[in-house]
Structures are given as C-alpha cells and as structure tokens.
Amino acid sequence: MAVLLQVEFKMDGPFGDEMAEQFADLAESINEEEGFIRKIWTEKAEDQEAGGIYIFDTQENAEKYLEMHEERLKEMGVPDLRAKIFDINDKLTEITKGLV
C-alpha cells in the first residue's frame, strides 16, 4: 500500500518561478529516490512556508527519504520541519481521482 509523506517548513525563499529554477536539479534527484512515486511542491510566500506532498511505495522508503531530507534541509539552513506519514486509502482515492 502506498503512503503519503507531508512535509512543511519555514524558509526565506525563493518562491514561484525563482524557486522552480533554483530547485530543478533537486526535483530531478527526488525522482531517483527508492520507492518514490510522485511529489506535489507546496509554497506560501507570504507566510514564508514551503514543503511538499510525496507518495512513496512503502512506509520504510518514506521514512528513509524523510531522514535524508531532514539532514539536507538542515544543510540548506532550514533547522526545523514538520512531517507526517499517512496510509492511503486506495479505493476512496480512486473514486475522487487521486494521483496514486
């Protein structure tokens, strides 16, 4: 069963097109993570918040990615993040056209 990893954190920027340009290589590298299925990038510039919604194939792969990602964010100057991992109800998600 696939799982959803929700991550959010404070950051000074960049946001919007500048963020897309500066983080394109990072986005490409995420595609190579074990068990990675998909990510939706999130941002709210006015509150200086960013994050993402990830789908992984297993809880183990989501946890492994989260551990690595937390260290990477610390290196980028982001000391704290909030994260949760949820099981996905595939049947209901399919009914509502979810991207699993």
PDB file of N, CA and C in Angstrom:
ATOM      1  N   MET A   1       0.838  -1.178   0.000  1.00  0.00           N
ATOM      2  CA  MET A   1       0.000   0.000   0.000  1.00  0.00           C
ATOM      3  C   MET A   1       0.886   1.245   0.000  1.00  0.00           C
ATOM      4  N   ALA A   2       0.600   2.189  -0.862  1.00  0.00           N
ATOM      5  CA  ALA A   2       1.349   3.438  -0.935  1.00  0.00           C
ATOM      6  C   ALA A   2       1.078   4.289   0.301  1.00  0.00           C
ATOM      7  N   VAL A   3       2.038   5.156   0.616  1.00  0.00           N
ATOM      8  CA  VAL A   3       1.893   6.071   1.743  1.00  0.00           C
ATOM      9  C   VAL A   3       2.148   7.499   1.278  1.00  0.00           C
ATOM     10  N   LEU A   4       1.582   8.436   2.034  1.00  0.00           N
ATOM     11  CA  LEU A   4       1.749   9.860   1.762  1.00  0.00           C
ATOM     12  C   LEU A   4       2.631  10.454   2.841  1.00  0.00           C
ATOM     13  N   LEU A   5       3.634  11.205   2.423  1.00  0.00           N
ATOM     14  CA  LEU A   5       4.514  11.947   3.329  1.00  0.00           C
ATOM     15  C   LEU A   5       4.206  13.423   3.131  1.00  0.00           C
ATOM     16  N   GLN A   6       3.817  14.091   4.207  1.00  0.00           N
ATOM     17  CA  GLN A   6       3.515  15.522   4.183  1.00  0.00           C
ATOM     18  C   GLN A   6       4.631  16.244   4.926  1.00  0.00           C
ATOM     19  N   VAL A   7       5.272  17.215   4.265  1.00  0.00           N
ATOM     20  CA  VAL A   7       6.392  17.957   4.861  1.00  0.00           C
ATOM     21  C   VAL A   7       6.123  19.446   4.700  1.00  0.00           C
ATOM     22  N   GLU A   8       6.392  20.217   5.748  1.00  0.00           N
ATOM     23  CA  GLU A   8       6.299  21.679   5.657  1.00  0.00           C
ATOM     24  C   GLU A   8       7.344  22.300   6.572  1.00  0.00           C
ATOM     25  N   PHE A   9       7.819  23.476   6.166  1.00  0.00           N
ATOM     26  CA  PHE A   9       8.859  24.150   6.934  1.00  0.00           C
ATOM     27  C   PHE A   9       8.896  25.629   6.561  1.00  0.00           C
ATOM     28  N   LYS A  10       9.485  26.423   7.440  1.00  0.00           N
ATOM     29  CA  LYS A  10       9.702  27.844   7.182  1.00  0.00           C
ATOM     30  C   LYS A  10      10.960  28.002   6.337  1.00  0.00           C
ATOM     31  N   MET A  11      10.924  28.948   5.409  1.00  0.00           N
ATOM     32  CA  MET A  11      12.123  29.299   4.645  1.00  0.00           C
ATOM     33  C   MET A  11      11.974  30.705   4.094  1.00  0.00           C
ATOM     34  N   ASP A  12      13.101  31.347   3.866  1.00  0.00           N
ATOM     35  CA  ASP A  12      13.110  32.728   3.395  1.00  0.00           C
ATOM     36  C   ASP A  12      12.827  32.845   1.901  1.00  0.00           C
ATOM     37  N   GLY A  13      12.891  31.786   1.180  1.00  0.00           N
ATOM     38  CA  GLY A  13      12.691  31.806  -0.265  1.00  0.00           C
ATOM     39  C   GLY A  13      13.819  31.055  -0.919  1.00  0.00           C
ATOM     40  N   PRO A  14      13.818  31.008  -2.189  1.00  0.00           N
ATOM     41  CA  PRO A  14      12.954  31.659  -3.171  1.00  0.00           C
ATOM     42  C   PRO A  14      11.605  30.954  -3.295  1.00  0.00           C
ATOM     43  N   PHE A  15      10.690  31.637  -3.989  1.00  0.00           N
ATOM     44  CA  PHE A  15       9.371  31.093  -4.242  1.00  0.00           C
ATOM     45  C   PHE A  15       9.027  31.290  -5.717  1.00  0.00           C
ATOM     46  N   GLY A  16       7.957  30.649  -6.157  1.00  0.00           N
ATOM     47  CA  GLY A  16       7.467  30.822  -7.522  1.00  0.00           C
ATOM     48  C   GLY A  16       8.454  30.360  -8.578  1.00  0.00           C
ATOM     49  N   ASP A  17       8.549  31.139  -9.662  1.00  0.00           N
ATOM     50  CA  ASP A  17       9.413  30.775 -10.777  1.00  0.00           C
ATOM     51  C   ASP A  17      10.880  30.685 -10.365  1.00  0.00           C
ATOM     52  N   GLU A  18      11.298  31.566  -9.462  1.00  0.00           N
ATOM     53  CA  GLU A  18      12.678  31.536  -8.995  1.00  0.00           C
ATOM     54  C   GLU A  18      12.962  30.228  -8.255  1.00  0.00           C
ATOM     55  N   MET A  19      12.019  29.786  -7.445  1.00  0.00           N
ATOM     56  CA  MET A  19      12.162  28.513  -6.745  1.00  0.00           C
ATOM     57  C   MET A  19      12.258  27.364  -7.744  1.00  0.00           C
ATOM     58  N   ALA A  20      11.385  27.381  -8.747  1.00  0.00           N
ATOM     59  CA  ALA A  20      11.384  26.329  -9.761  1.00  0.00           C
ATOM     60  C   ALA A  20      12.725  26.261 -10.478  1.00  0.00           C
ATOM     61  N   GLU A  21      13.273  27.406 -10.776  1.00  0.00           N
ATOM     62  CA  GLU A  21      14.563  27.452 -11.475  1.00  0.00           C
ATOM     63  C   GLU A  21      15.698  26.953 -10.579  1.00  0.00           C
ATOM     64  N   GLN A  22      15.742  27.435  -9.348  1.00  0.00           N
ATOM     65  CA  GLN A  22      16.845  27.083  -8.451  1.00  0.00           C
ATOM     66  C   GLN A  22      16.784  25.641  -7.962  1.00  0.00           C
ATOM     67  N   PHE A  23      15.589  25.058  -7.872  1.00  0.00           N
ATOM     68  CA  PHE A  23      15.460  23.708  -7.313  1.00  0.00           C
ATOM     69  C   PHE A  23      15.203  22.640  -8.375  1.00  0.00           C
ATOM     70  N   ALA A  24      15.385  22.969  -9.652  1.00  0.00           N
ATOM     71  CA  ALA A  24      15.128  21.990 -10.718  1.00  0.00           C
ATOM     72  C   ALA A  24      16.006  20.751 -10.571  1.00  0.00           C
ATOM     73  N   ASP A  25      17.283  20.929 -10.260  1.00  0.00           N
ATOM     74  CA  ASP A  25      18.171  19.772 -10.090  1.00  0.00           C
ATOM     75  C   ASP A  25      17.741  18.931  -8.892  1.00  0.00           C
ATOM     76  N   LEU A  26      17.334  19.581  -7.822  1.00  0.00           N
ATOM     77  CA  LEU A  26      16.842  18.862  -6.655  1.00  0.00           C
ATOM     78  C   LEU A  26      15.604  18.054  -7.031  1.00  0.00           C
ATOM     79  N   ALA A  27      14.698  18.660  -7.773  1.00  0.00           N
ATOM     80  CA  ALA A  27      13.486  17.958  -8.200  1.00  0.00           C
ATOM     81  C   ALA A  27      13.839  16.716  -9.018  1.00  0.00           C
ATOM     82  N   GLU A  28      14.788  16.854  -9.920  1.00  0.00           N
ATOM     83  CA  GLU A  28      15.223  15.705 -10.721  1.00  0.00           C
ATOM     84  C   GLU A  28      15.796  14.609  -9.831  1.00  0.00           C
ATOM     85  N   SER A  29      16.555  14.976  -8.816  1.00  0.00           N
ATOM     86  CA  SER A  29      17.180  13.975  -7.949  1.00  0.00           C
ATOM     87  C   SER A  29      16.140  13.216  -7.122  1.00  0.00           C
ATOM     88  N   ILE A  30      15.049  13.871  -6.774  1.00  0.00           N
ATOM     89  CA  ILE A  30      13.997  13.210  -5.996  1.00  0.00           C
ATOM     90  C   ILE A  30      13.395  12.059  -6.787  1.00  0.00           C
ATOM     91  N   ASN A  31      13.341  12.210  -8.107  1.00  0.00           N
ATOM     92  CA  ASN A  31      12.821  11.138  -8.953  1.00  0.00           C
ATOM     93  C   ASN A  31      13.602   9.839  -8.811  1.00  0.00           C
ATOM     94  N   GLU A  32      14.839   9.934  -8.348  1.00  0.00           N
ATOM     95  CA  GLU A  32      15.702   8.757  -8.240  1.00  0.00           C
ATOM     96  C   GLU A  32      15.621   8.079  -6.870  1.00  0.00           C
ATOM     97  N   GLU A  33      14.879   8.642  -5.941  1.00  0.00           N
ATOM     98  CA  GLU A  33      14.806   8.071  -4.592  1.00  0.00           C
ATOM     99  C   GLU A  33      14.054   6.742  -4.609  1.00  0.00           C
ATOM    100  N   GLU A  34      14.524   5.806  -3.794  1.00  0.00           N
ATOM    101  CA  GLU A  34      13.927   4.478  -3.741  1.00  0.00           C
ATOM    102  C   GLU A  34      12.458   4.560  -3.318  1.00  0.00           C
ATOM    103  N   GLY A  35      11.598   3.957  -4.124  1.00  0.00           N
ATOM    104  CA  GLY A  35      10.185   3.886  -3.808  1.00  0.00           C
ATOM    105  C   GLY A  35       9.392   5.146  -4.088  1.00  0.00           C
ATOM    106  N   PHE A  36      10.048   6.190  -4.611  1.00  0.00           N
ATOM    107  CA  PHE A  36       9.362   7.455  -4.887  1.00  0.00           C
ATOM    108  C   PHE A  36       8.371   7.274  -6.037  1.00  0.00           C
ATOM    109  N   ILE A  37       7.166   7.826  -5.859  1.00  0.00           N
ATOM    110  CA  ILE A  37       6.143   7.765  -6.901  1.00  0.00           C
ATOM    111  C   ILE A  37       5.832   9.150  -7.457  1.00  0.00           C
ATOM    112  N   ARG A  38       5.624  10.134  -6.555  1.00  0.00           N
ATOM    113  CA  ARG A  38       5.215  11.466  -7.026  1.00  0.00           C
ATOM    114  C   ARG A  38       5.378  12.486  -5.915  1.00  0.00           C
ATOM    115  N   LYS A  39       5.518  13.753  -6.304  1.00  0.00           N
ATOM    116  CA  LYS A  39       5.570  14.851  -5.336  1.00  0.00           C
ATOM    117  C   LYS A  39       4.775  16.033  -5.868  1.00  0.00           C
ATOM    118  N   ILE A  40       4.055  16.682  -4.978  1.00  0.00           N
ATOM    119  CA  ILE A  40       3.427  17.970  -5.256  1.00  0.00           C
ATOM    120  C   ILE A  40       4.167  18.984  -4.394  1.00  0.00           C
ATOM    121  N   TRP A  41       4.767  19.971  -5.030  1.00  0.00           N
ATOM    122  CA  TRP A  41       5.518  21.014  -4.319  1.00  0.00           C
ATOM    123  C   TRP A  41       4.533  22.051  -3.792  1.00  0.00           C
ATOM    124  N   THR A  42       4.716  22.485  -2.543  1.00  0.00           N
ATOM    125  CA  THR A  42       3.830  23.475  -1.943  1.00  0.00           C
ATOM    126  C   THR A  42       4.637  24.683  -1.481  1.00  0.00           C
ATOM    127  N   GLU A  43       4.000  25.845  -1.524  1.00  0.00           N
ATOM    128  CA  GLU A  43       4.650  27.069  -1.051  1.00  0.00           C
ATOM    129  C   GLU A  43       3.597  28.112  -0.709  1.00  0.00           C
ATOM    130  N   LYS A  44       3.943  28.954   0.235  1.00  0.00           N
ATOM    131  CA  LYS A  44       3.107  30.103   0.601  1.00  0.00           C
ATOM    132  C   LYS A  44       4.063  31.234   0.950  1.00  0.00           C
ATOM    133  N   ALA A  45       4.440  32.001  -0.063  1.00  0.00           N
ATOM    134  CA  ALA A  45       5.475  33.023   0.073  1.00  0.00           C
ATOM    135  C   ALA A  45       5.154  34.032   1.163  1.00  0.00           C
ATOM    136  N   GLU A  46       3.876  34.445   1.253  1.00  0.00           N
ATOM    137  CA  GLU A  46       3.525  35.475   2.238  1.00  0.00           C
ATOM    138  C   GLU A  46       3.738  35.006   3.672  1.00  0.00           C
ATOM    139  N   ASP A  47       3.723  33.695   3.895  1.00  0.00           N
ATOM    140  CA  ASP A  47       3.993  33.148   5.225  1.00  0.00           C
ATOM    141  C   ASP A  47       5.381  32.532   5.328  1.00  0.00           C
ATOM    142  N   GLN A  48       6.152  32.639   4.255  1.00  0.00           N
ATOM    143  CA  GLN A  48       7.495  32.059   4.165  1.00  0.00           C
ATOM    144  C   GLN A  48       7.493  30.584   4.567  1.00  0.00           C
ATOM    145  N   GLU A  49       6.603  29.836   3.922  1.00  0.00           N
ATOM    146  CA  GLU A  49       6.495  28.401   4.148  1.00  0.00           C
ATOM    147  C   GLU A  49       6.595  27.655   2.827  1.00  0.00           C
ATOM    148  N   ALA A  50       7.170  26.475   2.895  1.00  0.00           N
ATOM    149  CA  ALA A  50       7.271  25.607   1.722  1.00  0.00           C
ATOM    150  C   ALA A  50       7.196  24.166   2.201  1.00  0.00           C
ATOM    151  N   GLY A  51       7.129  23.268   1.259  1.00  0.00           N
ATOM    152  CA  GLY A  51       7.092  21.858   1.600  1.00  0.00           C
ATOM    153  C   GLY A  51       6.633  21.034   0.425  1.00  0.00           C
ATOM    154  N   GLY A  52       6.025  19.907   0.740  1.00  0.00           N
ATOM    155  CA  GLY A  52       5.556  19.047  -0.324  1.00  0.00           C
ATOM    156  C   GLY A  52       4.723  17.902   0.188  1.00  0.00           C
ATOM    157  N   ILE A  53       3.999  17.319  -0.751  1.00  0.00           N
ATOM    158  CA  ILE A  53       3.224  16.116  -0.524  1.00  0.00           C
ATOM    159  C   ILE A  53       3.857  15.057  -1.416  1.00  0.00           C
ATOM    160  N   TYR A  54       4.368  14.009  -0.803  1.00  0.00           N
ATOM    161  CA  TYR A  54       5.061  12.946  -1.523  1.00  0.00           C
ATOM    162  C   TYR A  54       4.247  11.661  -1.437  1.00  0.00           C
ATOM    163  N   ILE A  55       4.374  10.843  -2.451  1.00  0.00           N
ATOM    164  CA  ILE A  55       3.820   9.494  -2.418  1.00  0.00           C
ATOM    165  C   ILE A  55       5.004   8.533  -2.567  1.00  0.00           C
ATOM    166  N   PHE A  56       5.090   7.583  -1.639  1.00  0.00           N
ATOM    167  CA  PHE A  56       6.100   6.527  -1.687  1.00  0.00           C
ATOM    168  C   PHE A  56       5.408   5.177  -1.688  1.00  0.00           C
ATOM    169  N   ASP A  57       6.111   4.168  -2.149  1.00  0.00           N
ATOM    170  CA  ASP A  57       5.527   2.830  -2.222  1.00  0.00           C
ATOM    171  C   ASP A  57       5.384   2.156  -0.867  1.00  0.00           C
ATOM    172  N   THR A  58       6.245   2.506   0.096  1.00  0.00           N
ATOM    173  CA  THR A  58       6.180   1.876   1.414  1.00  0.00           C
ATOM    174  C   THR A  58       6.493   2.889   2.510  1.00  0.00           C
ATOM    175  N   GLN A  59       6.056   2.594   3.712  1.00  0.00           N
ATOM    176  CA  GLN A  59       6.368   3.396   4.893  1.00  0.00           C
ATOM    177  C   GLN A  59       7.887   3.475   5.077  1.00  0.00           C
ATOM    178  N   GLU A  60       8.565   2.349   4.902  1.00  0.00           N
ATOM    179  CA  GLU A  60      10.016   2.300   5.082  1.00  0.00           C
ATOM    180  C   GLU A  60      10.731   3.271   4.145  1.00  0.00           C
ATOM    181  N   ASN A  61      10.349   3.293   2.876  1.00  0.00           N
ATOM    182  CA  ASN A  61      11.001   4.205   1.935  1.00  0.00           C
ATOM    183  C   ASN A  61      10.667   5.661   2.240  1.00  0.00           C
ATOM    184  N   ALA A  62       9.454   5.940   2.692  1.00  0.00           N
ATOM    185  CA  ALA A  62       9.084   7.304   3.082  1.00  0.00           C
ATOM    186  C   ALA A  62       9.913   7.751   4.281  1.00  0.00           C
ATOM    187  N   GLU A  63      10.069   6.879   5.267  1.00  0.00           N
ATOM    188  CA  GLU A  63      10.864   7.215   6.449  1.00  0.00           C
ATOM    189  C   GLU A  63      12.333   7.431   6.095  1.00  0.00           C
ATOM    190  N   LYS A  64      12.855   6.593   5.223  1.00  0.00           N
ATOM    191  CA  LYS A  64      14.252   6.724   4.793  1.00  0.00           C
ATOM    192  C   LYS A  64      14.464   8.057   4.069  1.00  0.00           C
ATOM    193  N   TYR A  65      13.551   8.403   3.183  1.00  0.00           N
ATOM    194  CA  TYR A  65      13.648   9.671   2.480  1.00  0.00           C
ATOM    195  C   TYR A  65      13.549  10.833   3.456  1.00  0.00           C
ATOM    196  N   LEU A  66      12.598  10.774   4.384  1.00  0.00           N
ATOM    197  CA  LEU A  66      12.405  11.857   5.347  1.00  0.00           C
ATOM    198  C   LEU A  66      13.662  12.099   6.163  1.00  0.00           C
ATOM    199  N   GLU A  67      14.305  11.042   6.605  1.00  0.00           N
ATOM    200  CA  GLU A  67      15.542  11.182   7.382  1.00  0.00           C
ATOM    201  C   GLU A  67      16.620  11.902   6.559  1.00  0.00           C
ATOM    202  N   MET A  68      16.793  11.487   5.306  1.00  0.00           N
ATOM    203  CA  MET A  68      17.779  12.123   4.431  1.00  0.00           C
ATOM    204  C   MET A  68      17.386  13.567   4.145  1.00  0.00           C
ATOM    205  N   HIS A  69      16.109  13.812   3.888  1.00  0.00           N
ATOM    206  CA  HIS A  69      15.629  15.143   3.523  1.00  0.00           C
ATOM    207  C   HIS A  69      15.789  16.122   4.687  1.00  0.00           C
ATOM    208  N   GLU A  70      15.543  15.648   5.892  1.00  0.00           N
ATOM    209  CA  GLU A  70      15.714  16.495   7.070  1.00  0.00           C
ATOM    210  C   GLU A  70      17.164  16.957   7.196  1.00  0.00           C
ATOM    211  N   GLU A  71      18.102  16.069   6.966  1.00  0.00           N
ATOM    212  CA  GLU A  71      19.525  16.441   7.013  1.00  0.00           C
ATOM    213  C   GLU A  71      19.867  17.429   5.899  1.00  0.00           C
ATOM    214  N   ARG A  72      19.346  17.181   4.703  1.00  0.00           N
ATOM    215  CA  ARG A  72      19.607  18.074   3.573  1.00  0.00           C
ATOM    216  C   ARG A  72      19.073  19.474   3.861  1.00  0.00           C
ATOM    217  N   LEU A  73      17.864  19.562   4.423  1.00  0.00           N
ATOM    218  CA  LEU A  73      17.291  20.869   4.742  1.00  0.00           C
ATOM    219  C   LEU A  73      18.114  21.596   5.802  1.00  0.00           C
ATOM    220  N   LYS A  74      18.623  20.873   6.787  1.00  0.00           N
ATOM    221  CA  LYS A  74      19.493  21.499   7.795  1.00  0.00           C
ATOM    222  C   LYS A  74      20.714  22.110   7.132  1.00  0.00           C
ATOM    223  N   GLU A  75      21.294  21.400   6.172  1.00  0.00           N
ATOM    224  CA  GLU A  75      22.449  21.920   5.435  1.00  0.00           C
ATOM    225  C   GLU A  75      22.080  23.159   4.623  1.00  0.00           C
ATOM    226  N   MET A  76      20.811  23.271   4.235  1.00  0.00           N
ATOM    227  CA  MET A  76      20.331  24.426   3.468  1.00  0.00           C
ATOM    228  C   MET A  76      19.874  25.561   4.377  1.00  0.00           C
ATOM    229  N   GLY A  77      20.026  25.401   5.699  1.00  0.00           N
ATOM    230  CA  GLY A  77      19.653  26.454   6.631  1.00  0.00           C
ATOM    231  C   GLY A  77      18.236  26.378   7.149  1.00  0.00           C
ATOM    232  N   VAL A  78      17.590  25.226   6.993  1.00  0.00           N
ATOM    233  CA  VAL A  78      16.234  25.027   7.493  1.00  0.00           C
ATOM    234  C   VAL A  78      16.332  24.096   8.701  1.00  0.00           C
ATOM    235  N   PRO A  79      16.281  24.660   9.911  1.00  0.00           N
ATOM    236  CA  PRO A  79      16.540  23.844  11.096  1.00  0.00           C
ATOM    237  C   PRO A  79      15.388  22.933  11.522  1.00  0.00           C
ATOM    238  N   ASP A  80      14.154  23.324  11.227  1.00  0.00           N
ATOM    239  CA  ASP A  80      13.007  22.558  11.713  1.00  0.00           C
ATOM    240  C   ASP A  80      12.013  22.296  10.593  1.00  0.00           C
ATOM    241  N   LEU A  81      11.475  21.093  10.601  1.00  0.00           N
ATOM    242  CA  LEU A  81      10.395  20.792   9.675  1.00  0.00           C
ATOM    243  C   LEU A  81       9.331  19.987  10.400  1.00  0.00           C
ATOM    244  N   ARG A  82       8.138  20.036   9.847  1.00  0.00           N
ATOM    245  CA  ARG A  82       7.034  19.240  10.369  1.00  0.00           C
ATOM    246  C   ARG A  82       6.708  18.187   9.317  1.00  0.00           C
ATOM    247  N   ALA A  83       6.572  16.952   9.757  1.00  0.00           N
ATOM    248  CA  ALA A  83       6.298  15.883   8.803  1.00  0.00           C
ATOM    249  C   ALA A  83       5.373  14.851   9.411  1.00  0.00           C
ATOM    250  N   LYS A  84       4.539  14.281   8.553  1.00  0.00           N
ATOM    251  CA  LYS A  84       3.646  13.193   8.928  1.00  0.00           C
ATOM    252  C   LYS A  84       3.601  12.201   7.783  1.00  0.00           C
ATOM    253  N   ILE A  85       3.444  10.947   8.133  1.00  0.00           N
ATOM    254  CA  ILE A  85       3.271   9.896   7.131  1.00  0.00           C
ATOM    255  C   ILE A  85       1.898   9.273   7.359  1.00  0.00           C
ATOM    256  N   PHE A  86       1.135   9.145   6.272  1.00  0.00           N
ATOM    257  CA  PHE A  86      -0.211   8.596   6.320  1.00  0.00           C
ATOM    258  C   PHE A  86      -0.317   7.403   5.376  1.00  0.00           C
ATOM    259  N   ASP A  87      -1.126   6.421   5.745  1.00  0.00           N
ATOM    260  CA  ASP A  87      -1.524   5.390   4.793  1.00  0.00           C
ATOM    261  C   ASP A  87      -2.525   6.010   3.835  1.00  0.00           C
ATOM    262  N   ILE A  88      -2.570   5.504   2.612  1.00  0.00           N
ATOM    263  CA  ILE A  88      -3.509   5.996   1.604  1.00  0.00           C
ATOM    264  C   ILE A  88      -4.609   4.969   1.419  1.00  0.00           C
ATOM    265  N   ASN A  89      -5.844   5.401   1.481  1.00  0.00           N
ATOM    266  CA  ASN A  89      -6.978   4.531   1.191  1.00  0.00           C
ATOM    267  C   ASN A  89      -7.163   4.536  -0.327  1.00  0.00           C
ATOM    268  N   ASP A  90      -6.635   3.507  -0.979  1.00  0.00           N
ATOM    269  CA  ASP A  90      -6.622   3.458  -2.442  1.00  0.00           C
ATOM    270  C   ASP A  90      -8.014   3.494  -3.059  1.00  0.00           C
ATOM    271  N   LYS A  91      -8.964   2.789  -2.475  1.00  0.00           N
ATOM    272  CA  LYS A  91     -10.303   2.720  -3.072  1.00  0.00           C
ATOM    273  C   LYS A  91     -10.992   4.081  -3.077  1.00  0.00           C
ATOM    274  N   LEU A  92     -10.941   4.785  -1.954  1.00  0.00           N
ATOM    275  CA  LEU A  92     -11.571   6.112  -1.910  1.00  0.00           C
ATOM    276  C   LEU A  92     -10.787   7.112  -2.747  1.00  0.00           C
ATOM    277  N   THR A  93      -9.487   7.004  -2.761  1.00  0.00           N
ATOM    278  CA  THR A  93      -8.653   7.908  -3.555  1.00  0.00           C
ATOM    279  C   THR A  93      -8.960   7.751  -5.035  1.00  0.00           C
ATOM    280  N   GLU A  94      -9.174   6.536  -5.487  1.00  0.00           N
ATOM    281  CA  GLU A  94      -9.518   6.305  -6.884  1.00  0.00           C
ATOM    282  C   GLU A  94     -10.855   6.966  -7.223  1.00  0.00           C
ATOM    283  N   ILE A  95     -11.834   6.866  -6.346  1.00  0.00           N
ATOM    284  CA  ILE A  95     -13.142   7.471  -6.585  1.00  0.00           C
ATOM    285  C   ILE A  95     -13.016   8.984  -6.763  1.00  0.00           C
ATOM    286  N   THR A  96     -12.149   9.613  -5.974  1.00  0.00           N
ATOM    287  CA  THR A  96     -12.001  11.073  -6.025  1.00  0.00           C
ATOM    288  C   THR A  96     -10.873  11.511  -6.960  1.00  0.00           C
ATOM    289  N   LYS A  97     -10.444  10.620  -7.861  1.00  0.00           N
ATOM    290  CA  LYS A  97      -9.460  10.929  -8.912  1.00  0.00           C
ATOM    291  C   LYS A  97      -8.102  11.314  -8.346  1.00  0.00           C
ATOM    292  N   GLY A  98      -7.721  10.714  -7.211  1.00  0.00           N
ATOM    293  CA  GLY A  98      -6.418  10.972  -6.605  1.00  0.00           C
ATOM    294  C   GLY A  98      -5.286  10.461  -7.472  1.00  0.00           C
ATOM    295  N   LEU A  99      -4.124  10.997  -7.255  1.00  0.00           N
ATOM    296  CA  LEU A  99      -2.950  10.676  -8.070  1.00  0.00           C
ATOM    297  C   LEU A  99      -2.071   9.624  -7.406  1.00  0.00           C
ATOM    298  N   VAL A 100      -2.555   8.416  -7.273  1.00  0.00           N
ATOM    299  CA  VAL A 100      -1.744   7.359  -6.672  1.00  0.00           C
ATOM    300  C   VAL A 100      -1.360   6.372  -7.731  1.00  0.00           C
TER     301      VAL A 100
END
